[in-house]
Amino acid sequence: MPRQPIHTPDAPAAIGPYSQATRAGNTVFFSGQIALDPATGNLVEGDIQAQARRAFDNLKAVCEAAGGSMDDIVRVGLYLIDLGEFAAVNAVMGEYFSQPYPARSTVEVSALPKGSLFEVDAIMVL
């Protein structure tokens, strides 16, 4: 099955040898999104909620570029450098998804690119 890369200028450009997302058939696999401002490429300032909102906004932009919406996401992966911030991130995620919610995993990591506090990746089925 051929892979189709997904790209939009409304989300940050990849900072390595990967695509923002890749479509294979009716499934879209998203690369991780951190809180980079697509216009500047800089990490947004603020707490984990501000960074989570920017990361989810970036994910939403890539969803739309792939022809879908956040409602089409079936799985998300959340990566936090401090699981003590879980409730704050959970509240932000609730702003972007409605029932039935996607499956989810949440992992504490020691570090993220560019000093980010939060990263999200996803799988979408169209």
PDB file of N, CA and C in Angstrom:
ATOM      1  N   MET A   1       0.852  -1.166   0.000  1.00  0.00           N
ATOM      2  CA  MET A   1       0.000   0.000   0.000  1.00  0.00           C
ATOM      3  C   MET A   1       0.904   1.238   0.000  1.00  0.00           C
ATOM      4  N   PRO A   2       0.689   2.148  -0.944  1.00  0.00           N
ATOM      5  CA  PRO A   2       1.545   3.344  -1.008  1.00  0.00           C
ATOM      6  C   PRO A   2       1.270   4.293   0.158  1.00  0.00           C
ATOM      7  N   ARG A   3       2.316   4.987   0.569  1.00  0.00           N
ATOM      8  CA  ARG A   3       2.200   5.999   1.623  1.00  0.00           C
ATOM      9  C   ARG A   3       2.050   7.358   0.970  1.00  0.00           C
ATOM     10  N   GLN A   4       1.154   8.161   1.524  1.00  0.00           N
ATOM     11  CA  GLN A   4       0.950   9.524   1.038  1.00  0.00           C
ATOM     12  C   GLN A   4       1.292  10.487   2.169  1.00  0.00           C
ATOM     13  N   PRO A   5       2.337  11.305   1.993  1.00  0.00           N
ATOM     14  CA  PRO A   5       2.667  12.265   3.051  1.00  0.00           C
ATOM     15  C   PRO A   5       1.625  13.369   3.117  1.00  0.00           C
ATOM     16  N   ILE A   6       1.381  13.846   4.329  1.00  0.00           N
ATOM     17  CA  ILE A   6       0.452  14.950   4.567  1.00  0.00           C
ATOM     18  C   ILE A   6       1.284  16.133   5.057  1.00  0.00           C
ATOM     19  N   HIS A   7       1.017  17.309   4.503  1.00  0.00           N
ATOM     20  CA  HIS A   7       1.729  18.509   4.936  1.00  0.00           C
ATOM     21  C   HIS A   7       0.787  19.705   4.870  1.00  0.00           C
ATOM     22  N   THR A   8       0.907  20.567   5.850  1.00  0.00           N
ATOM     23  CA  THR A   8       0.188  21.829   5.845  1.00  0.00           C
ATOM     24  C   THR A   8       1.081  22.923   6.431  1.00  0.00           C
ATOM     25  N   PRO A   9       1.027  24.123   5.877  1.00  0.00           N
ATOM     26  CA  PRO A   9       1.770  25.233   6.472  1.00  0.00           C
ATOM     27  C   PRO A   9       1.123  25.733   7.766  1.00  0.00           C
ATOM     28  N   ASP A  10      -0.080  25.226   8.086  1.00  0.00           N
ATOM     29  CA  ASP A  10      -0.791  25.632   9.300  1.00  0.00           C
ATOM     30  C   ASP A  10      -0.315  24.887  10.543  1.00  0.00           C
ATOM     31  N   ALA A  11       0.647  23.980  10.365  1.00  0.00           N
ATOM     32  CA  ALA A  11       1.288  23.287  11.482  1.00  0.00           C
ATOM     33  C   ALA A  11       2.793  23.405  11.259  1.00  0.00           C
ATOM     34  N   PRO A  12       3.569  23.238  12.308  1.00  0.00           N
ATOM     35  CA  PRO A  12       5.019  23.391  12.152  1.00  0.00           C
ATOM     36  C   PRO A  12       5.593  22.378  11.164  1.00  0.00           C
ATOM     37  N   ALA A  13       6.592  22.820  10.416  1.00  0.00           N
ATOM     38  CA  ALA A  13       7.304  21.915   9.513  1.00  0.00           C
ATOM     39  C   ALA A  13       8.037  20.871  10.347  1.00  0.00           C
ATOM     40  N   ALA A  14       8.226  19.716   9.769  1.00  0.00           N
ATOM     41  CA  ALA A  14       8.970  18.656  10.451  1.00  0.00           C
ATOM     42  C   ALA A  14      10.381  19.147  10.773  1.00  0.00           C
ATOM     43  N   ILE A  15      10.894  18.770  11.937  1.00  0.00           N
ATOM     44  CA  ILE A  15      12.236  19.180  12.335  1.00  0.00           C
ATOM     45  C   ILE A  15      13.219  18.021  12.175  1.00  0.00           C
ATOM     46  N   GLY A  16      12.888  17.119  11.280  1.00  0.00           N
ATOM     47  CA  GLY A  16      13.732  15.959  11.000  1.00  0.00           C
ATOM     48  C   GLY A  16      13.244  15.268   9.746  1.00  0.00           C
ATOM     49  N   PRO A  17      13.762  14.079   9.468  1.00  0.00           N
ATOM     50  CA  PRO A  17      13.382  13.352   8.254  1.00  0.00           C
ATOM     51  C   PRO A  17      12.076  12.565   8.427  1.00  0.00           C
ATOM     52  N   TYR A  18      10.970  13.296   8.540  1.00  0.00           N
ATOM     53  CA  TYR A  18       9.658  12.666   8.688  1.00  0.00           C
ATOM     54  C   TYR A  18       8.589  13.608   8.155  1.00  0.00           C
ATOM     55  N   SER A  19       7.389  13.084   7.992  1.00  0.00           N
ATOM     56  CA  SER A  19       6.240  13.868   7.532  1.00  0.00           C
ATOM     57  C   SER A  19       5.392  14.260   8.728  1.00  0.00           C
ATOM     58  N   GLN A  20       4.624  15.324   8.582  1.00  0.00           N
ATOM     59  CA  GLN A  20       3.681  15.699   9.639  1.00  0.00           C
ATOM     60  C   GLN A  20       2.714  14.547   9.906  1.00  0.00           C
ATOM     61  N   ALA A  21       2.327  13.871   8.836  1.00  0.00           N
ATOM     62  CA  ALA A  21       1.484  12.681   8.928  1.00  0.00           C
ATOM     63  C   ALA A  21       1.675  11.893   7.638  1.00  0.00           C
ATOM     64  N   THR A  22       1.278  10.638   7.679  1.00  0.00           N
ATOM     65  CA  THR A  22       1.342   9.771   6.508  1.00  0.00           C
ATOM     66  C   THR A  22       0.030   9.004   6.418  1.00  0.00           C
ATOM     67  N   ARG A  23      -0.545   9.016   5.226  1.00  0.00           N
ATOM     68  CA  ARG A  23      -1.786   8.278   4.989  1.00  0.00           C
ATOM     69  C   ARG A  23      -1.470   6.987   4.274  1.00  0.00           C
ATOM     70  N   ALA A  24      -2.067   5.910   4.744  1.00  0.00           N
ATOM     71  CA  ALA A  24      -1.981   4.602   4.098  1.00  0.00           C
ATOM     72  C   ALA A  24      -3.409   4.064   4.052  1.00  0.00           C
ATOM     73  N   GLY A  25      -3.971   4.012   2.862  1.00  0.00           N
ATOM     74  CA  GLY A  25      -5.373   3.628   2.744  1.00  0.00           C
ATOM     75  C   GLY A  25      -6.246   4.676   3.409  1.00  0.00           C
ATOM     76  N   ASN A  26      -7.121   4.222   4.304  1.00  0.00           N
ATOM     77  CA  ASN A  26      -7.994   5.183   4.996  1.00  0.00           C
ATOM     78  C   ASN A  26      -7.497   5.502   6.415  1.00  0.00           C
ATOM     79  N   THR A  27      -6.241   5.153   6.699  1.00  0.00           N
ATOM     80  CA  THR A  27      -5.667   5.409   8.015  1.00  0.00           C
ATOM     81  C   THR A  27      -4.567   6.461   7.897  1.00  0.00           C
ATOM     82  N   VAL A  28      -4.588   7.415   8.824  1.00  0.00           N
ATOM     83  CA  VAL A  28      -3.585   8.477   8.863  1.00  0.00           C
ATOM     84  C   VAL A  28      -2.826   8.355  10.185  1.00  0.00           C
ATOM     85  N   PHE A  29      -1.514   8.288  10.077  1.00  0.00           N
ATOM     86  CA  PHE A  29      -0.630   8.185  11.234  1.00  0.00           C
ATOM     87  C   PHE A  29       0.069   9.530  11.412  1.00  0.00           C
ATOM     88  N   PHE A  30      -0.117  10.151  12.570  1.00  0.00           N
ATOM     89  CA  PHE A  30       0.418  11.481  12.828  1.00  0.00           C
ATOM     90  C   PHE A  30       1.744  11.395  13.565  1.00  0.00           C
ATOM     91  N   SER A  31       2.692  12.195  13.134  1.00  0.00           N
ATOM     92  CA  SER A  31       3.917  12.373  13.905  1.00  0.00           C
ATOM     93  C   SER A  31       3.582  13.194  15.142  1.00  0.00           C
ATOM     94  N   GLY A  32       4.470  13.154  16.112  1.00  0.00           N
ATOM     95  CA  GLY A  32       4.251  13.919  17.328  1.00  0.00           C
ATOM     96  C   GLY A  32       4.225  15.413  17.050  1.00  0.00           C
ATOM     97  N   GLN A  33       3.325  16.093  17.737  1.00  0.00           N
ATOM     98  CA  GLN A  33       3.230  17.552  17.661  1.00  0.00           C
ATOM     99  C   GLN A  33       3.560  18.122  19.029  1.00  0.00           C
ATOM    100  N   ILE A  34       4.491  19.062  19.036  1.00  0.00           N
ATOM    101  CA  ILE A  34       4.781  19.807  20.250  1.00  0.00           C
ATOM    102  C   ILE A  34       4.257  21.228  20.055  1.00  0.00           C
ATOM    103  N   ALA A  35       4.499  22.075  21.013  1.00  0.00           N
ATOM    104  CA  ALA A  35       3.909  23.417  21.007  1.00  0.00           C
ATOM    105  C   ALA A  35       4.716  24.423  20.198  1.00  0.00           C
ATOM    106  N   LEU A  36       5.009  24.076  18.954  1.00  0.00           N
ATOM    107  CA  LEU A  36       5.705  25.019  18.082  1.00  0.00           C
ATOM    108  C   LEU A  36       4.697  25.901  17.366  1.00  0.00           C
ATOM    109  N   ASP A  37       4.994  27.178  17.318  1.00  0.00           N
ATOM    110  CA  ASP A  37       4.192  28.123  16.559  1.00  0.00           C
ATOM    111  C   ASP A  37       4.522  27.898  15.088  1.00  0.00           C
ATOM    112  N   PRO A  38       3.521  27.576  14.250  1.00  0.00           N
ATOM    113  CA  PRO A  38       3.812  27.299  12.838  1.00  0.00           C
ATOM    114  C   PRO A  38       4.421  28.493  12.096  1.00  0.00           C
ATOM    115  N   ALA A  39       4.103  29.701  12.529  1.00  0.00           N
ATOM    116  CA  ALA A  39       4.603  30.893  11.847  1.00  0.00           C
ATOM    117  C   ALA A  39       6.080  31.145  12.132  1.00  0.00           C
ATOM    118  N   THR A  40       6.511  30.853  13.359  1.00  0.00           N
ATOM    119  CA  THR A  40       7.886  31.180  13.748  1.00  0.00           C
ATOM    120  C   THR A  40       8.781  29.965  13.928  1.00  0.00           C
ATOM    121  N   GLY A  41       8.170  28.806  14.178  1.00  0.00           N
ATOM    122  CA  GLY A  41       8.951  27.612  14.481  1.00  0.00           C
ATOM    123  C   GLY A  41       9.467  27.593  15.903  1.00  0.00           C
ATOM    124  N   ASN A  42       9.057  28.573  16.700  1.00  0.00           N
ATOM    125  CA  ASN A  42       9.501  28.656  18.094  1.00  0.00           C
ATOM    126  C   ASN A  42       8.489  28.016  19.028  1.00  0.00           C
ATOM    127  N   LEU A  43       8.988  27.498  20.135  1.00  0.00           N
ATOM    128  CA  LEU A  43       8.135  26.937  21.169  1.00  0.00           C
ATOM    129  C   LEU A  43       7.327  28.072  21.802  1.00  0.00           C
ATOM    130  N   VAL A  44       6.010  27.869  21.957  1.00  0.00           N
ATOM    131  CA  VAL A  44       5.184  28.891  22.589  1.00  0.00           C
ATOM    132  C   VAL A  44       5.543  28.995  24.064  1.00  0.00           C
ATOM    133  N   GLU A  45       5.392  30.180  24.602  1.00  0.00           N
ATOM    134  CA  GLU A  45       5.660  30.392  26.017  1.00  0.00           C
ATOM    135  C   GLU A  45       4.416  30.034  26.814  1.00  0.00           C
ATOM    136  N   GLY A  46       4.625  29.729  28.073  1.00  0.00           N
ATOM    137  CA  GLY A  46       3.500  29.455  28.946  1.00  0.00           C
ATOM    138  C   GLY A  46       3.605  28.100  29.606  1.00  0.00           C
ATOM    139  N   ASP A  47       2.566  27.808  30.372  1.00  0.00           N
ATOM    140  CA  ASP A  47       2.530  26.564  31.131  1.00  0.00           C
ATOM    141  C   ASP A  47       2.148  25.389  30.242  1.00  0.00           C
ATOM    142  N   ILE A  48       1.982  24.233  30.854  1.00  0.00           N
ATOM    143  CA  ILE A  48       1.685  23.029  30.073  1.00  0.00           C
ATOM    144  C   ILE A  48       0.334  23.134  29.375  1.00  0.00           C
ATOM    145  N   GLN A  49      -0.625  23.851  29.952  1.00  0.00           N
ATOM    146  CA  GLN A  49      -1.915  24.006  29.275  1.00  0.00           C
ATOM    147  C   GLN A  49      -1.758  24.818  27.996  1.00  0.00           C
ATOM    148  N   ALA A  50      -0.983  25.879  28.031  1.00  0.00           N
ATOM    149  CA  ALA A  50      -0.738  26.679  26.831  1.00  0.00           C
ATOM    150  C   ALA A  50      -0.024  25.837  25.780  1.00  0.00           C
ATOM    151  N   GLN A  51       0.952  25.053  26.212  1.00  0.00           N
ATOM    152  CA  GLN A  51       1.675  24.207  25.266  1.00  0.00           C
ATOM    153  C   GLN A  51       0.773  23.099  24.721  1.00  0.00           C
ATOM    154  N   ALA A  52      -0.078  22.522  25.560  1.00  0.00           N
ATOM    155  CA  ALA A  52      -0.981  21.476  25.084  1.00  0.00           C
ATOM    156  C   ALA A  52      -1.962  22.035  24.056  1.00  0.00           C
ATOM    157  N   ARG A  53      -2.490  23.226  24.311  1.00  0.00           N
ATOM    158  CA  ARG A  53      -3.423  23.833  23.340  1.00  0.00           C
ATOM    159  C   ARG A  53      -2.746  24.036  21.984  1.00  0.00           C
ATOM    160  N   ARG A  54      -1.514  24.546  21.987  1.00  0.00           N
ATOM    161  CA  ARG A  54      -0.808  24.763  20.724  1.00  0.00           C
ATOM    162  C   ARG A  54      -0.551  23.429  20.026  1.00  0.00           C
ATOM    163  N   ALA A  55      -0.158  22.407  20.776  1.00  0.00           N
ATOM    164  CA  ALA A  55       0.095  21.096  20.181  1.00  0.00           C
ATOM    165  C   ALA A  55      -1.191  20.504  19.594  1.00  0.00           C
ATOM    166  N   PHE A  56      -2.307  20.618  20.318  1.00  0.00           N
ATOM    167  CA  PHE A  56      -3.588  20.123  19.789  1.00  0.00           C
ATOM    168  C   PHE A  56      -4.041  20.953  18.592  1.00  0.00           C
ATOM    169  N   ASP A  57      -3.786  22.266  18.590  1.00  0.00           N
ATOM    170  CA  ASP A  57      -4.106  23.094  17.417  1.00  0.00           C
ATOM    171  C   ASP A  57      -3.295  22.619  16.208  1.00  0.00           C
ATOM    172  N   ASN A  58      -2.031  22.297  16.436  1.00  0.00           N
ATOM    173  CA  ASN A  58      -1.188  21.790  15.344  1.00  0.00           C
ATOM    174  C   ASN A  58      -1.734  20.460  14.832  1.00  0.00           C
ATOM    175  N   LEU A  59      -2.108  19.577  15.754  1.00  0.00           N
ATOM    176  CA  LEU A  59      -2.677  18.283  15.364  1.00  0.00           C
ATOM    177  C   LEU A  59      -3.955  18.488  14.551  1.00  0.00           C
ATOM    178  N   LYS A  60      -4.801  19.398  14.998  1.00  0.00           N
ATOM    179  CA  LYS A  60      -6.058  19.693  14.290  1.00  0.00           C
ATOM    180  C   LYS A  60      -5.782  20.178  12.869  1.00  0.00           C
ATOM    181  N   ALA A  61      -4.782  21.026  12.695  1.00  0.00           N
ATOM    182  CA  ALA A  61      -4.440  21.526  11.357  1.00  0.00           C
ATOM    183  C   ALA A  61      -4.006  20.390  10.435  1.00  0.00           C
ATOM    184  N   VAL A  62      -3.237  19.455  10.952  1.00  0.00           N
ATOM    185  CA  VAL A  62      -2.802  18.323  10.133  1.00  0.00           C
ATOM    186  C   VAL A  62      -3.988  17.402   9.836  1.00  0.00           C
ATOM    187  N   CYS A  63      -4.875  17.221  10.807  1.00  0.00           N
ATOM    188  CA  CYS A  63      -6.111  16.444  10.572  1.00  0.00           C
ATOM    189  C   CYS A  63      -6.877  17.011   9.382  1.00  0.00           C
ATOM    190  N   GLU A  64      -7.068  18.312   9.397  1.00  0.00           N
ATOM    191  CA  GLU A  64      -7.829  18.967   8.335  1.00  0.00           C
ATOM    192  C   GLU A  64      -7.105  18.853   6.998  1.00  0.00           C
ATOM    193  N   ALA A  65      -5.786  18.951   7.002  1.00  0.00           N
ATOM    194  CA  ALA A  65      -5.019  18.806   5.756  1.00  0.00           C
ATOM    195  C   ALA A  65      -5.150  17.396   5.191  1.00  0.00           C
ATOM    196  N   ALA A  66      -5.393  16.427   6.056  1.00  0.00           N
ATOM    197  CA  ALA A  66      -5.556  15.036   5.627  1.00  0.00           C
ATOM    198  C   ALA A  66      -6.997  14.736   5.218  1.00  0.00           C
ATOM    199  N   GLY A  67      -7.887  15.717   5.355  1.00  0.00           N
ATOM    200  CA  GLY A  67      -9.281  15.527   4.959  1.00  0.00           C
ATOM    201  C   GLY A  67     -10.175  15.034   6.074  1.00  0.00           C
ATOM    202  N   GLY A  68      -9.730  15.167   7.312  1.00  0.00           N
ATOM    203  CA  GLY A  68     -10.524  14.698   8.433  1.00  0.00           C
ATOM    204  C   GLY A  68     -10.712  15.770   9.480  1.00  0.00           C
ATOM    205  N   SER A  69     -11.121  15.320  10.647  1.00  0.00           N
ATOM    206  CA  SER A  69     -11.312  16.220  11.789  1.00  0.00           C
ATOM    207  C   SER A  69     -10.898  15.479  13.054  1.00  0.00           C
ATOM    208  N   MET A  70     -10.879  16.192  14.144  1.00  0.00           N
ATOM    209  CA  MET A  70     -10.532  15.568  15.417  1.00  0.00           C
ATOM    210  C   MET A  70     -11.492  14.429  15.761  1.00  0.00           C
ATOM    211  N   ASP A  71     -12.726  14.497  15.255  1.00  0.00           N
ATOM    212  CA  ASP A  71     -13.698  13.429  15.504  1.00  0.00           C
ATOM    213  C   ASP A  71     -13.311  12.112  14.832  1.00  0.00           C
ATOM    214  N   ASP A  72     -12.409  12.158  13.855  1.00  0.00           N
ATOM    215  CA  ASP A  72     -11.974  10.952  13.156  1.00  0.00           C
ATOM    216  C   ASP A  72     -10.774  10.277  13.822  1.00  0.00           C
ATOM    217  N   ILE A  73     -10.219  10.912  14.847  1.00  0.00           N
ATOM    218  CA  ILE A  73      -9.064  10.330  15.533  1.00  0.00           C
ATOM    219  C   ILE A  73      -9.532   9.181  16.417  1.00  0.00           C
ATOM    220  N   VAL A  74      -8.868   8.036  16.283  1.00  0.00           N
ATOM    221  CA  VAL A  74      -9.246   6.853  17.053  1.00  0.00           C
ATOM    222  C   VAL A  74      -8.290   6.564  18.210  1.00  0.00           C
ATOM    223  N   ARG A  75      -7.089   7.127  18.156  1.00  0.00           N
ATOM    224  CA  ARG A  75      -6.115   6.915  19.216  1.00  0.00           C
ATOM    225  C   ARG A  75      -5.198   8.119  19.331  1.00  0.00           C
ATOM    226  N   VAL A  76      -4.888   8.523  20.566  1.00  0.00           N
ATOM    227  CA  VAL A  76      -3.887   9.557  20.816  1.00  0.00           C
ATOM    228  C   VAL A  76      -2.870   9.027  21.816  1.00  0.00           C
ATOM    229  N   GLY A  77      -1.660   9.522  21.668  1.00  0.00           N
ATOM    230  CA  GLY A  77      -0.608   9.268  22.636  1.00  0.00           C
ATOM    231  C   GLY A  77      -0.187  10.597  23.223  1.00  0.00           C
ATOM    232  N   LEU A  78      -0.161  10.685  24.535  1.00  0.00           N
ATOM    233  CA  LEU A  78       0.232  11.908  25.225  1.00  0.00           C
ATOM    234  C   LEU A  78       1.557  11.660  25.928  1.00  0.00           C
ATOM    235  N   TYR A  79       2.459  12.622  25.813  1.00  0.00           N
ATOM    236  CA  TYR A  79       3.786  12.516  26.417  1.00  0.00           C
ATOM    237  C   TYR A  79       4.024  13.766  27.241  1.00  0.00           C
ATOM    238  N   LEU A  80       4.254  13.589  28.525  1.00  0.00           N
ATOM    239  CA  LEU A  80       4.458  14.695  29.455  1.00  0.00           C
ATOM    240  C   LEU A  80       5.795  14.494  30.161  1.00  0.00           C
ATOM    241  N   ILE A  81       6.468  15.595  30.441  1.00  0.00           N
ATOM    242  CA  ILE A  81       7.704  15.449  31.205  1.00  0.00           C
ATOM    243  C   ILE A  81       7.412  15.380  32.705  1.00  0.00           C
ATOM    244  N   ASP A  82       6.143  15.628  33.100  1.00  0.00           N
ATOM    245  CA  ASP A  82       5.754  15.560  34.508  1.00  0.00           C
ATOM    246  C   ASP A  82       4.316  15.057  34.599  1.00  0.00           C
ATOM    247  N   LEU A  83       4.130  13.820  35.049  1.00  0.00           N
ATOM    248  CA  LEU A  83       2.775  13.280  35.171  1.00  0.00           C
ATOM    249  C   LEU A  83       1.950  14.018  36.224  1.00  0.00           C
ATOM    250  N   GLY A  84       2.591  14.830  37.030  1.00  0.00           N
ATOM    251  CA  GLY A  84       1.865  15.680  37.959  1.00  0.00           C
ATOM    252  C   GLY A  84       0.983  16.697  37.234  1.00  0.00           C
ATOM    253  N   GLU A  85       1.244  16.898  35.951  1.00  0.00           N
ATOM    254  CA  GLU A  85       0.463  17.825  35.116  1.00  0.00           C
ATOM    255  C   GLU A  85      -0.663  17.111  34.361  1.00  0.00           C
ATOM    256  N   PHE A  86      -0.903  15.838  34.698  1.00  0.00           N
ATOM    257  CA  PHE A  86      -1.899  15.029  33.985  1.00  0.00           C
ATOM    258  C   PHE A  86      -3.273  15.691  33.965  1.00  0.00           C
ATOM    259  N   ALA A  87      -3.754  16.163  35.108  1.00  0.00           N
ATOM    260  CA  ALA A  87      -5.093  16.761  35.172  1.00  0.00           C
ATOM    261  C   ALA A  87      -5.197  17.995  34.280  1.00  0.00           C
ATOM    262  N   ALA A  88      -4.145  18.807  34.229  1.00  0.00           N
ATOM    263  CA  ALA A  88      -4.161  20.008  33.391  1.00  0.00           C
ATOM    264  C   ALA A  88      -4.245  19.631  31.911  1.00  0.00           C
ATOM    265  N   VAL A  89      -3.482  18.637  31.512  1.00  0.00           N
ATOM    266  CA  VAL A  89      -3.514  18.187  30.111  1.00  0.00           C
ATOM    267  C   VAL A  89      -4.847  17.519  29.799  1.00  0.00           C
ATOM    268  N   ASN A  90      -5.364  16.755  30.737  1.00  0.00           N
ATOM    269  CA  ASN A  90      -6.650  16.087  30.546  1.00  0.00           C
ATOM    270  C   ASN A  90      -7.754  17.117  30.298  1.00  0.00           C
ATOM    271  N   ALA A  91      -7.715  18.226  31.033  1.00  0.00           N
ATOM    272  CA  ALA A  91      -8.713  19.282  30.853  1.00  0.00           C
ATOM    273  C   ALA A  91      -8.613  19.895  29.461  1.00  0.00           C
ATOM    274  N   VAL A  92      -7.397  20.123  28.980  1.00  0.00           N
ATOM    275  CA  VAL A  92      -7.216  20.680  27.636  1.00  0.00           C
ATOM    276  C   VAL A  92      -7.693  19.682  26.589  1.00  0.00           C
ATOM    277  N   MET A  93      -7.356  18.414  26.744  1.00  0.00           N
ATOM    278  CA  MET A  93      -7.795  17.410  25.774  1.00  0.00           C
ATOM    279  C   MET A  93      -9.321  17.407  25.663  1.00  0.00           C
ATOM    280  N   GLY A  94     -10.005  17.621  26.782  1.00  0.00           N
ATOM    281  CA  GLY A  94     -11.468  17.670  26.775  1.00  0.00           C
ATOM    282  C   GLY A  94     -12.033  18.810  25.949  1.00  0.00           C
ATOM    283  N   GLU A  95     -11.225  19.836  25.677  1.00  0.00           N
ATOM    284  CA  GLU A  95     -11.658  20.947  24.830  1.00  0.00           C
ATOM    285  C   GLU A  95     -11.629  20.575  23.346  1.00  0.00           C
ATOM    286  N   TYR A  96     -10.880  19.544  22.989  1.00  0.00           N
ATOM    287  CA  TYR A  96     -10.661  19.191  21.587  1.00  0.00           C
ATOM    288  C   TYR A  96     -11.395  17.933  21.143  1.00  0.00           C
ATOM    289  N   PHE A  97     -11.841  17.117  22.078  1.00  0.00           N
ATOM    290  CA  PHE A  97     -12.490  15.853  21.735  1.00  0.00           C
ATOM    291  C   PHE A  97     -13.824  15.753  22.447  1.00  0.00           C
ATOM    292  N   SER A  98     -14.755  15.049  21.794  1.00  0.00           N
ATOM    293  CA  SER A  98     -16.050  14.776  22.403  1.00  0.00           C
ATOM    294  C   SER A  98     -16.305  13.275  22.360  1.00  0.00           C
ATOM    295  N   GLN A  99     -17.305  12.855  23.089  1.00  0.00           N
ATOM    296  CA  GLN A  99     -17.629  11.424  23.130  1.00  0.00           C
ATOM    297  C   GLN A  99     -18.151  10.958  21.787  1.00  0.00           C
ATOM    298  N   PRO A 100     -17.847   9.767  21.378  1.00  0.00           N
ATOM    299  CA  PRO A 100     -16.979   8.801  22.053  1.00  0.00           C
ATOM    300  C   PRO A 100     -15.511   9.208  21.894  1.00  0.00           C
ATOM    301  N   TYR A 101     -14.798   9.244  23.010  1.00  0.00           N
ATOM    302  CA  TYR A 101     -13.405   9.679  23.009  1.00  0.00           C
ATOM    303  C   TYR A 101     -12.502   8.645  22.346  1.00  0.00           C
ATOM    304  N   PRO A 102     -11.385   9.098  21.779  1.00  0.00           N
ATOM    305  CA  PRO A 102     -10.425   8.143  21.217  1.00  0.00           C
ATOM    306  C   PRO A 102      -9.734   7.358  22.332  1.00  0.00           C
ATOM    307  N   ALA A 103      -9.173   6.220  21.972  1.00  0.00           N
ATOM    308  CA  ALA A 103      -8.314   5.499  22.903  1.00  0.00           C
ATOM    309  C   ALA A 103      -7.102   6.382  23.181  1.00  0.00           C
ATOM    310  N   ARG A 104      -6.445   6.140  24.326  1.00  0.00           N
ATOM    311  CA  ARG A 104      -5.350   7.029  24.687  1.00  0.00           C
ATOM    312  C   ARG A 104      -4.337   6.299  25.556  1.00  0.00           C
ATOM    313  N   SER A 105      -3.091   6.691  25.377  1.00  0.00           N
ATOM    314  CA  SER A 105      -2.052   6.304  26.326  1.00  0.00           C
ATOM    315  C   SER A 105      -1.385   7.598  26.786  1.00  0.00           C
ATOM    316  N   THR A 106      -0.914   7.598  28.020  1.00  0.00           N
ATOM    317  CA  THR A 106      -0.223   8.756  28.575  1.00  0.00           C
ATOM    318  C   THR A 106       1.066   8.262  29.207  1.00  0.00           C
ATOM    319  N   VAL A 107       2.169   8.882  28.830  1.00  0.00           N
ATOM    320  CA  VAL A 107       3.481   8.431  29.268  1.00  0.00           C
ATOM    321  C   VAL A 107       4.286   9.620  29.777  1.00  0.00           C
ATOM    322  N   GLU A 108       4.957   9.428  30.911  1.00  0.00           N
ATOM    323  CA  GLU A 108       5.914  10.426  31.371  1.00  0.00           C
ATOM    324  C   GLU A 108       7.255  10.128  30.726  1.00  0.00           C
ATOM    325  N   VAL A 109       7.873  11.164  30.173  1.00  0.00           N
ATOM    326  CA  VAL A 109       9.168  11.024  29.504  1.00  0.00           C
ATOM    327  C   VAL A 109      10.178  11.959  30.168  1.00  0.00           C
ATOM    328  N   SER A 110      11.452  11.664  29.985  1.00  0.00           N
ATOM    329  CA  SER A 110      12.476  12.483  30.642  1.00  0.00           C
ATOM    330  C   SER A 110      12.711  13.808  29.929  1.00  0.00           C
ATOM    331  N   ALA A 111      12.454  13.868  28.636  1.00  0.00           N
ATOM    332  CA  ALA A 111      12.650  15.108  27.878  1.00  0.00           C
ATOM    333  C   ALA A 111      11.900  15.008  26.561  1.00  0.00           C
ATOM    334  N   LEU A 112      11.621  16.184  25.980  1.00  0.00           N
ATOM    335  CA  LEU A 112      10.975  16.271  24.671  1.00  0.00           C
ATOM    336  C   LEU A 112      11.745  17.265  23.818  1.00  0.00           C
ATOM    337  N   PRO A 113      11.561  17.198  22.491  1.00  0.00           N
ATOM    338  CA  PRO A 113      12.292  18.115  21.609  1.00  0.00           C
ATOM    339  C   PRO A 113      12.070  19.583  21.983  1.00  0.00           C
ATOM    340  N   LYS A 114      13.132  20.360  21.830  1.00  0.00           N
ATOM    341  CA  LYS A 114      13.109  21.816  22.022  1.00  0.00           C
ATOM    342  C   LYS A 114      12.688  22.242  23.423  1.00  0.00           C
ATOM    343  N   GLY A 115      12.785  21.332  24.385  1.00  0.00           N
ATOM    344  CA  GLY A 115      12.414  21.675  25.755  1.00  0.00           C
ATOM    345  C   GLY A 115      10.925  21.726  26.007  1.00  0.00           C
ATOM    346  N   SER A 116      10.140  21.131  25.115  1.00  0.00           N
ATOM    347  CA  SER A 116       8.690  21.128  25.264  1.00  0.00           C
ATOM    348  C   SER A 116       8.274  20.372  26.531  1.00  0.00           C
ATOM    349  N   LEU A 117       7.142  20.760  27.083  1.00  0.00           N
ATOM    350  CA  LEU A 117       6.576  20.093  28.248  1.00  0.00           C
ATOM    351  C   LEU A 117       5.611  18.987  27.854  1.00  0.00           C
ATOM    352  N   PHE A 118       5.167  18.990  26.580  1.00  0.00           N
ATOM    353  CA  PHE A 118       4.070  18.120  26.146  1.00  0.00           C
ATOM    354  C   PHE A 118       4.223  17.787  24.665  1.00  0.00           C
ATOM    355  N   GLU A 119       3.813  16.579  24.305  1.00  0.00           N
ATOM    356  CA  GLU A 119       3.760  16.154  22.906  1.00  0.00           C
ATOM    357  C   GLU A 119       2.554  15.243  22.721  1.00  0.00           C
ATOM    358  N   VAL A 120       1.948  15.289  21.548  1.00  0.00           N
ATOM    359  CA  VAL A 120       0.821  14.425  21.225  1.00  0.00           C
ATOM    360  C   VAL A 120       1.039  13.816  19.848  1.00  0.00           C
ATOM    361  N   ASP A 121       0.698  12.533  19.700  1.00  0.00           N
ATOM    362  CA  ASP A 121       0.626  11.903  18.386  1.00  0.00           C
ATOM    363  C   ASP A 121      -0.723  11.224  18.270  1.00  0.00           C
ATOM    364  N   ALA A 122      -1.059  10.747  17.082  1.00  0.00           N
ATOM    365  CA  ALA A 122      -2.414  10.215  16.906  1.00  0.00           C
ATOM    366  C   ALA A 122      -2.494   9.277  15.705  1.00  0.00           C
ATOM    367  N   ILE A 123      -3.626   8.573  15.652  1.00  0.00           N
ATOM    368  CA  ILE A 123      -4.007   7.764  14.499  1.00  0.00           C
ATOM    369  C   ILE A 123      -5.448   8.142  14.171  1.00  0.00           C
ATOM    370  N   MET A 124      -5.700   8.360  12.890  1.00  0.00           N
ATOM    371  CA  MET A 124      -7.027   8.755  12.419  1.00  0.00           C
ATOM    372  C   MET A 124      -7.483   7.788  11.335  1.00  0.00           C
ATOM    373  N   VAL A 125      -8.770   7.442  11.365  1.00  0.00           N
ATOM    374  CA  VAL A 125      -9.356   6.595  10.327  1.00  0.00           C
ATOM    375  C   VAL A 125     -10.446   7.403   9.634  1.00  0.00           C
ATOM    376  N   LEU A 126     -10.334   7.476   8.304  1.00  0.00           N
ATOM    377  CA  LEU A 126     -11.300   8.244   7.512  1.00  0.00           C
ATOM    378  C   LEU A 126     -12.331   7.338   6.878  1.00  0.00           C
TER     379      LEU A 126
END
